Protein backbone atom coordinates (compact mmCIF):
# COMPACT_ATOMS: atom_id res chain seq x y z
CA UNK A 1 -49.95 -5.03 -11.42
CA UNK A 2 -46.78 -3.43 -9.75
CA UNK A 3 -45.81 -1.24 -12.61
CA UNK A 4 -41.92 -0.38 -12.94
CA UNK A 5 -40.93 2.71 -14.51
CA UNK A 6 -42.08 2.05 -18.13
CA UNK A 7 -39.81 3.42 -20.82
CA UNK A 8 -40.51 6.01 -23.33
CA UNK A 9 -37.82 7.56 -25.57
CA UNK A 10 -38.31 10.88 -23.76
CA UNK A 11 -37.69 9.39 -20.48
CA UNK A 12 -34.54 7.67 -21.75
CA UNK A 13 -33.18 11.20 -22.47
CA UNK A 14 -33.64 12.70 -19.12
CA UNK A 15 -30.33 13.85 -17.23
CA UNK A 16 -29.49 11.87 -13.95
CA UNK A 17 -30.37 14.81 -11.59
CA UNK A 18 -34.07 14.54 -12.95
CA UNK A 19 -34.26 10.68 -13.01
CA UNK A 20 -33.56 10.63 -9.31
CA UNK A 21 -37.12 12.08 -8.76
CA UNK A 22 -38.68 9.32 -10.51
CA UNK A 23 -40.30 6.35 -8.85
CA UNK A 24 -42.41 3.40 -9.81
CA UNK A 25 -46.16 3.91 -9.79
CA UNK A 26 -46.84 0.85 -7.65
CA UNK A 27 -50.47 0.29 -9.06
CA UNK A 28 -51.18 -2.07 -6.23
CA UNK A 29 -51.12 0.81 -3.73
CA UNK A 30 -54.61 1.81 -4.98
CA UNK A 31 -57.40 0.39 -2.97
CA UNK A 32 -60.89 -0.15 -4.28
CA UNK A 33 -61.88 3.05 -2.14
CA UNK A 34 -59.26 4.99 -4.02
CA UNK A 35 -60.69 3.74 -7.44
CA UNK A 36 -64.27 4.81 -6.36
CA UNK A 37 -62.87 8.26 -5.48
CA UNK A 38 -61.37 8.51 -8.99
CA UNK A 39 -64.57 7.42 -10.71
CA UNK A 40 -66.70 9.75 -8.72
CA UNK A 41 -64.44 12.73 -9.49
CA UNK A 42 -64.27 11.90 -13.26
CA UNK A 43 -68.05 11.20 -13.63
CA UNK A 44 -68.78 14.44 -12.04
CA UNK A 45 -66.03 16.47 -13.88
CA UNK A 46 -66.82 15.03 -17.19
CA UNK A 47 -70.46 15.79 -16.82
CA UNK A 48 -69.92 19.26 -15.70
CA UNK A 49 -66.82 20.14 -17.60
CA UNK A 50 -68.40 19.08 -21.01
CA UNK A 51 -70.08 22.61 -20.86
CA UNK A 52 -67.46 24.77 -19.21
CA UNK A 53 -63.99 23.36 -20.12
CA UNK A 54 -61.89 24.33 -23.10
CA UNK A 55 -62.76 21.97 -25.99
CA UNK A 56 -59.38 20.46 -25.94
CA UNK A 57 -60.09 18.83 -22.49
CA UNK A 58 -62.47 16.29 -23.49
CA UNK A 59 -60.83 15.51 -26.75
CA UNK A 60 -57.66 14.86 -24.76
CA UNK A 61 -59.28 12.51 -22.49
CA UNK A 62 -59.60 10.31 -25.36
CA UNK A 63 -56.05 10.93 -26.83
CA UNK A 64 -54.23 10.37 -23.64
CA UNK A 65 -56.00 7.15 -22.56
CA UNK A 66 -57.61 8.64 -19.42
CA UNK A 67 -60.47 6.36 -18.24
CA UNK A 68 -63.56 7.25 -16.15
CA UNK A 69 -63.66 3.87 -14.50
CA UNK A 70 -60.05 3.35 -13.22
CA UNK A 71 -56.98 5.25 -12.14
CA UNK A 72 -54.63 5.54 -15.31
CA UNK A 73 -51.40 3.49 -15.23
CA UNK A 74 -48.08 5.06 -16.14
CA UNK A 75 -47.64 2.38 -18.70
CA UNK A 76 -50.88 3.08 -20.46
CA UNK A 77 -50.31 6.90 -20.32
CA UNK A 78 -46.77 6.52 -21.69
CA UNK A 79 -47.88 4.31 -24.49
CA UNK A 80 -50.54 6.83 -25.60
CA UNK A 81 -48.76 10.06 -24.78
CA UNK A 82 -45.81 8.83 -27.06
CA UNK A 83 -48.24 9.38 -29.95
CA UNK A 84 -48.44 13.01 -29.21
CA UNK A 85 -44.76 13.62 -28.30
CA UNK A 86 -45.02 13.61 -24.45
CA UNK A 87 -44.29 11.07 -21.65
CA UNK A 88 -45.37 10.82 -17.93
CA UNK A 89 -43.60 9.88 -14.82
CA UNK A 90 -44.52 9.17 -11.41
CA UNK A 91 -42.90 11.19 -8.43
CA UNK A 92 -43.39 11.64 -4.61
CA UNK A 93 -45.53 14.73 -4.09
CA UNK A 94 -44.20 18.24 -4.74
CA UNK A 95 -40.68 18.34 -6.19
CA UNK A 96 -38.50 21.54 -6.52
CA UNK A 97 -39.86 24.05 -8.87
CA UNK A 98 -36.74 24.18 -11.02
CA UNK A 99 -36.86 20.46 -11.43
CA UNK A 100 -40.70 20.43 -12.16
CA UNK A 101 -40.10 23.21 -14.84
CA UNK A 102 -37.23 21.13 -16.41
CA UNK A 103 -39.26 18.08 -16.69
CA UNK A 104 -41.70 20.12 -18.61
CA UNK A 105 -38.96 21.49 -20.89
CA UNK A 106 -38.31 17.72 -21.77
CA UNK A 107 -42.08 17.24 -22.64
CA UNK A 108 -42.54 15.00 -19.46
CA UNK A 109 -45.78 15.28 -17.23
CA UNK A 110 -44.84 14.85 -13.60
CA UNK A 111 -47.56 12.98 -11.82
CA UNK A 112 -47.78 12.57 -8.26
CA UNK A 113 -48.84 8.96 -8.10
CA UNK A 114 -50.77 9.16 -4.73
CA UNK A 115 -54.42 9.95 -4.67
CA UNK A 116 -56.49 12.13 -2.24
CA UNK A 117 -58.48 10.60 0.62
CA UNK A 118 -62.29 10.29 0.53
CA UNK A 119 -62.36 13.02 3.10
CA UNK A 120 -60.73 15.43 0.67
CA UNK A 121 -62.42 14.26 -2.50
CA UNK A 122 -63.34 17.86 -3.67
CA UNK A 123 -59.99 19.37 -3.33
CA UNK A 124 -56.59 18.81 -1.78
CA UNK A 125 -53.32 21.10 -1.73
CA UNK A 126 -51.29 18.05 -2.32
CA UNK A 127 -50.47 17.01 -5.87
CA UNK A 128 -52.17 13.65 -6.60
CA UNK A 129 -53.06 11.57 -9.67
CA UNK A 130 -56.51 13.29 -10.09
CA UNK A 131 -54.84 16.51 -10.30
CA UNK A 132 -52.14 15.42 -12.70
CA UNK A 133 -53.76 12.63 -14.56
CA UNK A 134 -57.18 14.18 -14.96
CA UNK A 135 -56.08 17.75 -15.07
CA UNK A 136 -52.74 18.21 -16.89
CA UNK A 137 -52.81 15.25 -19.21
CA UNK A 138 -55.79 15.87 -21.35
CA UNK A 139 -55.21 19.54 -21.99
CA UNK A 140 -51.79 18.75 -23.75
CA UNK A 141 -53.65 17.31 -26.60
CA UNK A 142 -53.96 20.95 -27.76
CA UNK A 143 -50.85 21.58 -29.74
CA UNK A 144 -50.71 25.26 -28.91
CA UNK A 145 -51.12 24.62 -25.13
CA UNK A 146 -48.66 21.73 -25.34
CA UNK A 147 -45.86 24.05 -26.84
CA UNK A 148 -46.64 26.73 -24.24
CA UNK A 149 -46.20 24.26 -21.41
CA UNK A 150 -42.92 22.95 -23.00
CA UNK A 151 -41.54 26.53 -23.58
CA UNK A 152 -42.71 27.47 -19.93
CA UNK A 153 -40.59 24.61 -18.53
CA UNK A 154 -37.56 25.72 -20.71
CA UNK A 155 -37.63 29.15 -19.28
CA UNK A 156 -38.72 28.28 -15.83
CA UNK A 157 -35.86 25.94 -15.34
CA UNK A 158 -33.47 28.74 -15.83
CA UNK A 159 -35.10 30.96 -13.18
CA UNK A 160 -33.09 31.89 -10.18
CA UNK A 161 -34.35 31.15 -6.68
CA UNK A 162 -33.43 32.28 -3.32
CA UNK A 163 -33.01 30.68 0.07
CA UNK A 164 -36.46 31.86 0.93
CA UNK A 165 -37.88 29.80 -1.82
CA UNK A 166 -36.27 26.55 -0.65
CA UNK A 167 -37.76 27.23 2.87
CA UNK A 168 -41.31 27.89 1.18
CA UNK A 169 -41.05 24.76 -0.92
CA UNK A 170 -40.37 22.56 2.08
CA UNK A 171 -43.04 24.35 4.18
CA UNK A 172 -45.75 23.85 1.56
CA UNK A 173 -44.54 20.24 0.75
CA UNK A 174 -44.90 19.48 4.48
CA UNK A 175 -48.38 21.01 4.62
CA UNK A 176 -49.62 19.16 1.66
CA UNK A 177 -48.32 15.93 3.09
CA UNK A 178 -49.78 16.28 6.67
CA UNK A 179 -53.20 17.37 5.35
CA UNK A 180 -53.47 14.35 3.32
CA UNK A 181 -52.01 11.82 5.67
CA UNK A 182 -54.15 9.74 8.05
CA UNK A 183 -54.25 10.21 11.66
CA UNK A 184 -52.20 13.40 11.90
CA UNK A 185 -53.13 15.59 14.93
CA UNK A 186 -54.75 18.90 14.40
CA UNK A 187 -51.79 20.50 16.29
CA UNK A 188 -49.30 19.11 13.53
CA UNK A 189 -51.49 20.43 10.79
CA UNK A 190 -51.83 23.87 12.62
CA UNK A 191 -47.98 23.90 13.10
CA UNK A 192 -47.53 23.37 9.32
CA UNK A 193 -50.10 25.93 8.34
CA UNK A 194 -48.44 28.44 10.65
CA UNK A 195 -45.05 27.79 9.11
CA UNK A 196 -46.45 28.50 5.69
CA UNK A 197 -48.42 31.49 6.88
CA UNK A 198 -45.10 32.91 8.66
CA UNK A 199 -43.12 32.59 5.39
CA UNK A 200 -46.08 34.05 3.29
CA UNK A 201 -46.03 37.12 5.61
CA UNK A 202 -42.22 37.73 5.28
CA UNK A 203 -41.54 40.98 3.29
CA UNK A 204 -39.13 39.62 0.76
CA UNK A 205 -38.32 40.69 -2.70
CA UNK A 206 -39.85 37.93 -4.86
CA UNK A 207 -37.21 36.09 -6.77
CA UNK A 208 -37.39 34.88 -10.48
CA UNK A 209 -38.72 31.40 -9.47
CA UNK A 210 -41.50 33.05 -7.36
CA UNK A 211 -42.60 35.28 -10.17
CA UNK A 212 -42.47 32.48 -12.89
CA UNK A 213 -44.13 30.26 -10.42
CA UNK A 214 -47.03 32.80 -10.11
CA UNK A 215 -47.45 32.72 -13.79
CA UNK A 216 -47.57 28.95 -13.86
CA UNK A 217 -50.22 29.04 -11.19
CA UNK A 218 -52.35 31.49 -12.94
CA UNK A 219 -52.19 29.72 -16.23
CA UNK A 220 -51.21 26.10 -16.17
CA UNK A 221 -53.03 25.45 -12.67
CA UNK A 222 -55.87 28.03 -12.49
CA UNK A 223 -56.15 29.43 -15.95
CA UNK A 224 -59.34 30.55 -17.89
CA UNK A 225 -59.55 31.07 -21.61
CA UNK A 226 -61.90 33.05 -23.77
CA UNK A 227 -63.63 36.36 -22.84
CA UNK A 228 -64.20 37.80 -19.40
CA UNK A 229 -67.79 37.24 -19.95
CA UNK A 230 -67.78 33.75 -21.19
CA UNK A 231 -64.45 32.08 -20.07
CA UNK A 232 -63.64 28.36 -20.40
CA UNK A 233 -61.47 26.36 -17.94
CA UNK A 234 -58.01 24.96 -18.89
CA UNK A 235 -56.04 25.04 -15.72
CA UNK A 236 -55.43 21.76 -14.24
CA UNK A 237 -56.15 22.79 -10.67
CA UNK A 238 -59.66 23.71 -11.81
CA UNK A 239 -60.18 20.81 -14.09
CA UNK A 240 -59.35 18.44 -11.14
CA UNK A 241 -61.23 19.97 -8.45
CA UNK A 242 -65.11 19.14 -8.48
CA UNK A 243 -65.59 21.97 -5.91
CA UNK A 244 -63.68 24.69 -7.47
CA UNK A 245 -64.42 23.97 -11.14
CA UNK A 246 -68.14 24.70 -10.34
CA UNK A 247 -67.54 27.81 -8.12
CA UNK A 248 -64.73 29.45 -10.07
CA UNK A 249 -67.11 30.65 -12.90
CA UNK A 250 -69.57 32.47 -10.45
CA UNK A 251 -69.57 36.19 -10.18
CA UNK A 252 -68.00 36.24 -6.82
CA UNK A 253 -64.50 35.07 -8.22
CA UNK A 254 -63.17 38.14 -10.05
CA UNK A 255 -62.13 37.60 -13.59
CA UNK A 256 -59.02 39.72 -14.92
CA UNK A 257 -57.59 39.84 -18.47
CA UNK A 258 -54.25 38.01 -18.31
CA UNK A 259 -51.08 39.93 -18.50
CA UNK A 260 -47.48 40.03 -17.05
CA UNK A 261 -49.19 41.51 -13.92
CA UNK A 262 -50.07 37.96 -12.84
CA UNK A 263 -46.50 37.39 -12.10
CA UNK A 264 -46.82 39.68 -9.21
CA UNK A 265 -50.13 38.21 -7.77
CA UNK A 266 -49.43 35.68 -5.06
CA UNK A 267 -51.80 32.71 -4.21
CA UNK A 268 -52.58 30.45 -1.27
CA UNK A 269 -52.77 26.87 -2.28
CA UNK A 270 -55.02 25.92 0.75
CA UNK A 271 -57.97 28.29 -0.22
CA UNK A 272 -60.14 28.81 -3.09
CA UNK A 273 -58.83 31.54 -5.30
CA UNK A 274 -60.59 34.80 -5.16
CA UNK A 275 -59.58 36.09 -8.75
CA UNK A 276 -58.63 34.29 -12.02
CA UNK A 277 -56.95 35.45 -15.18
CA UNK A 278 -58.59 34.98 -18.69
CA UNK A 279 -56.34 34.57 -21.70
CA UNK A 280 -58.02 35.22 -25.09
CA UNK A 281 -56.29 31.91 -26.49
CA UNK A 282 -53.29 29.84 -25.90
CA UNK A 283 -51.06 31.75 -28.26
CA UNK A 284 -51.42 34.80 -26.11
CA UNK A 285 -49.93 32.81 -23.17
CA UNK A 286 -46.64 32.53 -25.17
CA UNK A 287 -46.43 36.29 -25.75
CA UNK A 288 -46.89 37.04 -22.07
CA UNK A 289 -44.23 34.30 -21.30
CA UNK A 290 -41.92 35.84 -23.71
CA UNK A 291 -42.40 39.31 -22.26
CA UNK A 292 -41.47 38.01 -18.78
CA UNK A 293 -38.55 36.09 -20.00
CA UNK A 294 -37.29 39.35 -21.32
CA UNK A 295 -37.06 40.62 -17.61
CA UNK A 296 -34.99 37.52 -16.48
CA UNK A 297 -31.47 37.36 -15.78
CA UNK A 298 -31.10 34.52 -18.36
CA UNK A 299 -31.70 37.27 -21.03
CA UNK A 300 -30.48 40.44 -19.39
CA UNK A 301 -27.36 39.21 -17.63
CA UNK A 302 -25.42 42.16 -16.22
CA UNK A 303 -24.69 42.88 -12.57
CA UNK A 304 -28.31 42.28 -11.60
CA UNK A 305 -28.22 38.73 -13.00
CA UNK A 306 -24.88 38.07 -11.06
CA UNK A 307 -26.30 39.60 -7.83
CA UNK A 308 -29.19 37.26 -8.03
CA UNK A 309 -26.80 34.31 -8.39
CA UNK A 310 -24.81 35.57 -5.37
CA UNK A 311 -27.94 36.05 -3.24
CA UNK A 312 -29.35 32.53 -4.10
CA UNK A 313 -26.06 30.97 -2.67
CA UNK A 314 -26.86 28.11 -4.97
CA UNK A 315 -25.12 26.59 -8.15
CA UNK A 316 -25.58 29.02 -11.05
CA UNK A 317 -24.05 30.12 -14.29
CA UNK A 318 -23.06 33.19 -16.01
CA UNK A 319 -22.31 33.44 -19.82
CA UNK A 320 -19.90 36.25 -21.10
CA UNK A 321 -20.09 37.92 -24.42
CA UNK A 322 -17.61 35.45 -25.80
CA UNK A 323 -19.95 32.53 -24.93
CA UNK A 324 -17.73 31.20 -22.19
CA UNK A 325 -19.85 29.85 -19.29
CA UNK A 326 -18.81 29.81 -15.65
CA UNK A 327 -20.76 27.55 -13.46
CA UNK A 328 -20.32 27.50 -9.66
CA UNK A 329 -21.59 29.23 -6.45
CA UNK A 330 -20.89 32.82 -7.03
CA UNK A 331 -19.54 34.78 -3.92
CA UNK A 332 -18.25 38.27 -5.08
CA UNK A 333 -18.27 40.85 -7.77
CA UNK A 334 -16.71 44.32 -8.28
CA UNK A 335 -18.63 46.93 -10.18
CA UNK A 336 -17.47 50.14 -11.87
CA UNK A 337 -19.43 53.62 -11.56
CA UNK A 338 -21.52 52.47 -14.47
CA UNK A 339 -22.78 49.46 -12.58
CA UNK A 340 -20.80 47.08 -15.00
CA UNK A 341 -19.30 43.90 -13.53
CA UNK A 342 -15.43 44.37 -13.75
CA UNK A 343 -14.56 41.32 -11.64
CA UNK A 344 -16.29 38.18 -10.23
CA UNK A 345 -15.37 35.20 -8.08
CA UNK A 346 -16.78 31.87 -7.26
CA UNK A 347 -16.11 29.75 -4.16
CA UNK A 348 -15.75 25.98 -4.44
CA UNK A 349 -15.91 23.75 -7.40
CA UNK A 350 -16.32 25.51 -10.65
CA UNK A 351 -16.66 24.44 -14.29
CA UNK A 352 -16.09 26.15 -17.46
CA UNK A 353 -18.25 25.49 -20.56
CA UNK A 354 -19.12 26.58 -24.05
CA UNK A 355 -22.29 25.96 -25.64
CA UNK A 356 -23.46 23.86 -22.63
CA UNK A 357 -20.50 21.53 -23.03
CA UNK A 358 -17.60 21.63 -20.41
CA UNK A 359 -14.26 23.08 -21.88
CA UNK A 360 -11.76 20.20 -21.89
CA UNK A 361 -9.36 20.51 -18.80
CA UNK A 362 -11.69 23.16 -17.01
CA UNK A 363 -13.88 21.01 -14.90
CA UNK A 364 -14.20 21.03 -11.25
CA UNK A 365 -11.17 19.11 -10.67
CA UNK A 366 -9.05 21.93 -12.19
CA UNK A 367 -11.19 24.68 -10.40
CA UNK A 368 -11.92 22.95 -7.06
CA UNK A 369 -11.34 25.99 -5.01
CA UNK A 370 -13.05 28.56 -7.07
CA UNK A 371 -12.51 30.82 -10.17
CA UNK A 372 -12.22 34.44 -10.67
CA UNK A 373 -11.62 36.90 -13.50
CA UNK A 374 -11.65 40.50 -14.45
CA UNK A 375 -14.00 41.68 -17.23
CA UNK A 376 -14.37 44.70 -19.51
CA UNK A 377 -12.25 46.53 -22.01
CA UNK A 378 -8.60 47.51 -22.04
CA UNK A 379 -7.52 50.96 -20.84
CA UNK A 380 -6.18 53.27 -23.63
CA UNK A 381 -7.67 51.71 -26.59
CA UNK A 382 -11.13 51.16 -25.37
CA UNK A 383 -11.12 47.66 -26.83
CA UNK A 384 -12.20 44.31 -25.38
CA UNK A 385 -9.73 41.39 -25.95
CA UNK A 386 -12.37 39.44 -27.68
CA UNK A 387 -12.61 42.28 -30.26
CA UNK A 388 -8.95 42.41 -31.10
CA UNK A 389 -7.55 41.68 -34.44
CA UNK A 390 -4.15 40.26 -35.09
CA UNK A 391 -2.37 43.62 -34.99
CA UNK A 392 -4.01 44.51 -31.75
CA UNK A 393 -2.95 41.32 -30.12
CA UNK A 394 0.60 41.85 -31.58
CA UNK A 395 0.77 45.42 -30.02
CA UNK A 396 -0.39 44.18 -26.65
CA UNK A 397 1.91 41.06 -26.72
CA UNK A 398 -0.78 38.61 -26.70
CA UNK A 399 1.45 35.80 -27.77
CA UNK A 400 1.80 32.31 -26.27
CA UNK A 401 4.87 32.06 -24.02
CA UNK A 402 5.32 35.88 -23.68
CA UNK A 403 5.39 37.94 -20.67
CA UNK A 404 2.45 40.26 -20.73
CA UNK A 405 1.15 43.10 -18.58
CA UNK A 406 -2.05 44.99 -19.28
CA UNK A 407 -4.64 47.26 -17.42
CA UNK A 408 -8.54 47.25 -17.91
CA UNK A 409 -10.54 50.42 -17.96
CA UNK A 410 -11.62 49.42 -14.50
CA UNK A 411 -8.16 49.70 -13.19
CA UNK A 412 -7.50 46.09 -12.64
CA UNK A 413 -4.09 45.12 -13.84
CA UNK A 414 -2.81 41.65 -15.02
CA UNK A 415 0.79 40.67 -15.19
CA UNK A 416 2.18 37.24 -16.04
CA UNK A 417 3.47 34.69 -18.43
CA UNK A 418 0.93 34.01 -21.28
CA UNK A 419 0.90 30.38 -21.74
CA UNK A 420 -1.95 29.84 -24.27
CA UNK A 421 -5.47 30.89 -25.14
CA UNK A 422 -8.52 29.02 -26.09
CA UNK A 423 -10.91 30.51 -28.75
CA UNK A 424 -14.51 30.11 -29.44
CA UNK A 425 -16.20 29.09 -32.77
CA UNK A 426 -15.84 32.70 -33.98
CA UNK A 427 -12.13 32.67 -33.56
CA UNK A 428 -12.38 35.08 -30.55
CA UNK A 429 -10.13 34.38 -27.47
CA UNK A 430 -12.40 33.24 -24.50
CA UNK A 431 -9.89 32.07 -22.04
CA UNK A 432 -6.26 32.92 -21.52
CA UNK A 433 -4.00 30.91 -19.36
CA UNK A 434 -1.25 32.49 -17.18
CA UNK A 435 1.70 31.32 -15.08
CA UNK A 436 3.42 33.57 -12.41
CA UNK A 437 0.43 35.84 -12.56
CA UNK A 438 -0.40 38.75 -10.43
CA UNK A 439 -3.94 40.53 -10.50
CA UNK A 440 -4.42 43.71 -8.69
CA UNK A 441 -7.29 46.17 -8.25
CA UNK A 442 -6.28 49.59 -6.57
CA UNK A 443 -4.39 48.46 -3.40
CA UNK A 444 -6.20 45.04 -3.28
CA UNK A 445 -4.30 41.78 -4.43
CA UNK A 446 -6.93 39.66 -6.26
CA UNK A 447 -4.37 36.91 -7.38
CA UNK A 448 -0.84 36.23 -6.73
CA UNK A 449 1.75 33.49 -8.21
CA UNK A 450 1.52 31.54 -4.99
CA UNK A 451 -1.98 30.69 -5.79
CA UNK A 452 -1.03 28.65 -8.86
CA UNK A 453 -1.80 29.10 -12.42
CA UNK A 454 -4.31 31.80 -13.31
CA UNK A 455 -7.04 31.16 -16.01
CA UNK A 456 -8.55 34.46 -17.08
CA UNK A 457 -12.00 34.57 -18.57
CA UNK A 458 -12.41 36.75 -21.65
CA UNK A 459 -15.44 38.79 -22.09
CA UNK A 460 -16.45 42.57 -21.98
CA UNK A 461 -19.84 41.77 -20.13
CA UNK A 462 -22.10 39.19 -18.77
CA UNK A 463 -24.92 38.53 -21.06
CA UNK A 464 -26.68 35.78 -19.26
CA UNK A 465 -27.24 34.33 -15.75
CA UNK A 466 -29.24 31.44 -14.69
CA UNK A 467 -29.63 28.76 -12.14
CA UNK A 468 -27.95 25.48 -12.40
CA UNK A 469 -24.87 24.27 -14.38
CA UNK A 470 -24.18 25.02 -18.02
CA UNK A 471 -23.37 21.37 -18.52
CA UNK A 472 -25.16 19.15 -16.06
CA UNK A 473 -22.41 16.46 -16.37
CA UNK A 474 -19.87 19.00 -14.83
CA UNK A 475 -21.09 18.46 -11.21
CA UNK A 476 -22.24 15.69 -9.05
CA UNK A 477 -26.04 15.76 -8.35
CA UNK A 478 -26.49 18.46 -5.72
CA UNK A 479 -30.37 18.90 -5.84
CA UNK A 480 -31.83 16.01 -3.96
CA UNK A 481 -35.31 14.75 -3.44
CA UNK A 482 -36.77 16.31 -0.10
CA UNK A 483 -36.19 14.35 3.22
CA UNK A 484 -39.93 14.89 3.87
CA UNK A 485 -41.61 11.87 2.23
CA UNK A 486 -45.42 11.49 1.64
CA UNK A 487 -47.08 9.47 4.44
CA UNK A 488 -48.72 6.09 3.31
CA UNK A 489 -51.99 5.73 4.92
CA UNK A 490 -52.11 2.51 7.09
CA UNK A 491 -55.21 0.45 6.55
CA UNK A 492 -56.87 -0.89 9.63
CA UNK A 493 -58.71 -4.29 9.60
CA UNK A 494 -62.04 -2.51 9.53
CA UNK A 495 -60.92 -0.40 6.52
CA UNK A 496 -59.71 -3.60 4.76
CA UNK A 497 -63.22 -5.08 5.13
CA UNK A 498 -64.66 -1.87 3.78
CA UNK A 499 -62.45 -2.14 0.78
CA UNK A 500 -63.72 -5.70 0.19
CA UNK A 501 -67.29 -4.27 -0.11
CA UNK A 502 -66.11 -1.67 -2.55
CA UNK A 503 -64.22 -4.15 -4.55
CA UNK A 504 -67.25 -6.52 -4.70
CA UNK A 505 -69.52 -3.65 -6.07
CA UNK A 506 -66.67 -2.78 -8.64
CA UNK A 507 -66.45 -6.43 -9.68
CA UNK A 508 -70.25 -6.62 -10.17
CA UNK A 509 -70.18 -3.39 -12.34
CA UNK A 510 -67.25 -4.50 -14.45
CA UNK A 511 -68.54 -8.00 -15.08
CA UNK A 512 -72.19 -6.95 -15.56
CA UNK A 513 -73.04 -9.62 -13.07
CA UNK A 514 -76.40 -10.19 -11.24
CA UNK A 515 -77.12 -7.41 -9.02
CA UNK A 516 -78.78 -9.73 -6.38
CA UNK A 517 -75.70 -9.38 -4.08
CA UNK A 518 -75.74 -5.75 -4.12
CA UNK A 519 -78.59 -5.47 -1.44
CA UNK A 520 -76.60 -7.89 0.69
CA UNK A 521 -73.56 -5.65 0.33
CA UNK A 522 -75.73 -2.55 1.13
CA UNK A 523 -77.06 -4.08 4.32
CA UNK A 524 -73.53 -4.98 5.59
CA UNK A 525 -72.57 -1.45 4.70
CA UNK A 526 -75.48 0.11 6.64
CA UNK A 527 -74.59 -2.14 9.58
CA UNK A 528 -70.88 -1.81 9.90
CA UNK A 529 -70.05 1.50 8.04
CA UNK A 530 -73.14 3.78 8.62
CA UNK A 531 -71.27 7.09 7.73
CA UNK A 532 -69.95 5.80 4.32
CA UNK A 533 -71.65 7.44 1.49
CA UNK A 534 -69.62 6.85 -1.64
CA UNK A 535 -70.31 3.12 -1.78
CA UNK A 536 -74.13 3.74 -1.16
CA UNK A 537 -73.94 6.03 -4.24
CA UNK A 538 -72.38 3.29 -6.37
CA UNK A 539 -74.88 0.84 -5.21
CA UNK A 540 -77.80 3.20 -5.94
CA UNK A 541 -76.40 3.72 -9.37
CA UNK A 542 -76.73 0.06 -10.03
CA UNK A 543 -79.92 -0.71 -8.31
CA UNK A 544 -82.13 2.48 -8.17
CA UNK A 545 -83.54 0.79 -5.13
CA UNK A 546 -85.56 3.40 -3.02
CA UNK A 547 -84.24 2.03 0.33
CA UNK A 548 -80.68 3.01 -0.77
CA UNK A 549 -81.95 6.38 -1.88
CA UNK A 550 -83.49 6.89 1.48
CA UNK A 551 -80.30 6.03 3.32
CA UNK A 552 -78.47 8.64 1.24
CA UNK A 553 -81.20 11.17 2.25
CA UNK A 554 -80.67 10.13 5.88
CA UNK A 555 -76.87 10.52 5.50
CA UNK A 556 -77.41 14.09 4.26
CA UNK A 557 -79.27 14.98 7.40
CA UNK A 558 -76.63 13.36 9.67
CA UNK A 559 -73.70 14.81 7.82
CA UNK A 560 -74.66 18.15 6.28
CA UNK A 561 -71.04 18.83 4.90
CA UNK A 562 -71.31 15.96 2.49
CA UNK A 563 -74.85 16.66 1.44
CA UNK A 564 -73.92 18.51 -1.83
CA UNK A 565 -71.52 15.47 -2.66
CA UNK A 566 -74.50 13.05 -2.29
CA UNK A 567 -76.99 15.35 -4.20
CA UNK A 568 -74.31 15.58 -7.03
CA UNK A 569 -74.05 11.82 -7.18
CA UNK A 570 -77.77 11.22 -7.15
CA UNK A 571 -78.40 13.98 -9.69
CA UNK A 572 -75.82 12.43 -12.10
CA UNK A 573 -77.37 8.97 -11.72
CA UNK A 574 -80.70 10.21 -12.33
CA UNK A 575 -79.95 12.10 -15.38
CA UNK A 576 -77.35 9.88 -16.95
CA UNK A 577 -78.47 6.39 -15.74
CA UNK A 578 -75.93 3.69 -14.69
CA UNK A 579 -72.58 3.44 -16.16
CA UNK A 580 -70.95 0.12 -16.88
């Protein structure tokens, strides 16, 4: 089955800048070995997690259509997820944090469709379908948690990043790709690791996206719920890792009551986590999230918010007290002695919006070279233009077609012909258009008639600042998928033959066929692939033959690093019996 992107009403609503990250699952990419890796992890996880995972996890496996025996298809997941108001979509590895968050806001699970290699069966730093499908999907069956995830995406999508964040994202993405790729030299992996370490060791002030990504990591990925002495697992990174899910509850891993402090605790995706945070319940996650959101520029605005946007050098938006939204790349601001923004400027294409809809006639074509405006109250009457009643407007000659001259408390003066004004839903002026306009500040000329018409934003203050455009339709898509693509493993002739053996065993189990052929397969496996352990586990599960068991014991002695994996497989078989 070569699945195309199967529709779901939620997927149909996605904006173009998110749809570009979607890809078809291409179910045919999964080899019989991939299917065996999935099955081993799922059998082990469900056996172990039934006692240590949050109760929603096992319930969610049924609700989301996650099977033990085969890798889930996007079509099947979307068909079932639709019943709980969510959807799933395949992507290529890590995607930019803001895009990832925005998918969540639309109630879309982002699933990296690749699957870890057998060599990395316990854990991989790369996102894969085990992590996403077996980790994230089941737990959203809990309504409280699902709402937390949606709300997290809604807030996280507004977080402002920095140039450092972009570099770190690309470095981590590259590392996750090369560590999962087949045949990559140790020197390339080491170089990627060094690049991540170099960036991690840089002393930089954490951006909003860094802080909220930390919160995401310590909850959605590596969260525990319950009490310090009796926590349960709900984080997808733990649920999908057969290594760390068993080690994380040991005393060596410090358990900390969850709080906003987790935002300032960094992490290393390539290593087991030395500490984990425990929330008493999913409702408390919402409380901490809202507490953190209150510290963000999207709610605080002001000069700090604008300063974050200037530092990011990326498309962002400020919203003024009148509701007018200015989207562009911000380059300059002027503050007064009280640290209030009295002037701002963008460079390059800029769009004006109100309530996330572009103001007609004020898109990037009208403001292709940038936008600037003074802010604040008028001098003398200590009144903002938006608060002026009819008499105030008359007194200051704010009439269409009239020459006007006025001064802000900051000392910025505006002089020109008032052409017209645009009002918000409350009837307040939010934009005034001038011709033949001069704007000055002290001895500096901020705008002159030679520069064309002047559109002045009306607002006494910046109430919000966030990443991206207010109306995503205002700009062409600027955020592109990474140029670094996941590396598809090239399968050799010898590996293809091994996959045929795996497929034969899989077919025998599925059809409940005669097991006579299994020992023939086993002899071929021992002869041609003496180091392969997973297929021997599957054959032992179906046959319980002593000779297969002895082979596995011999493999433990030969390859001590996989001894615990073999032991886990044998123990599960002996306790549970074969699974058809």
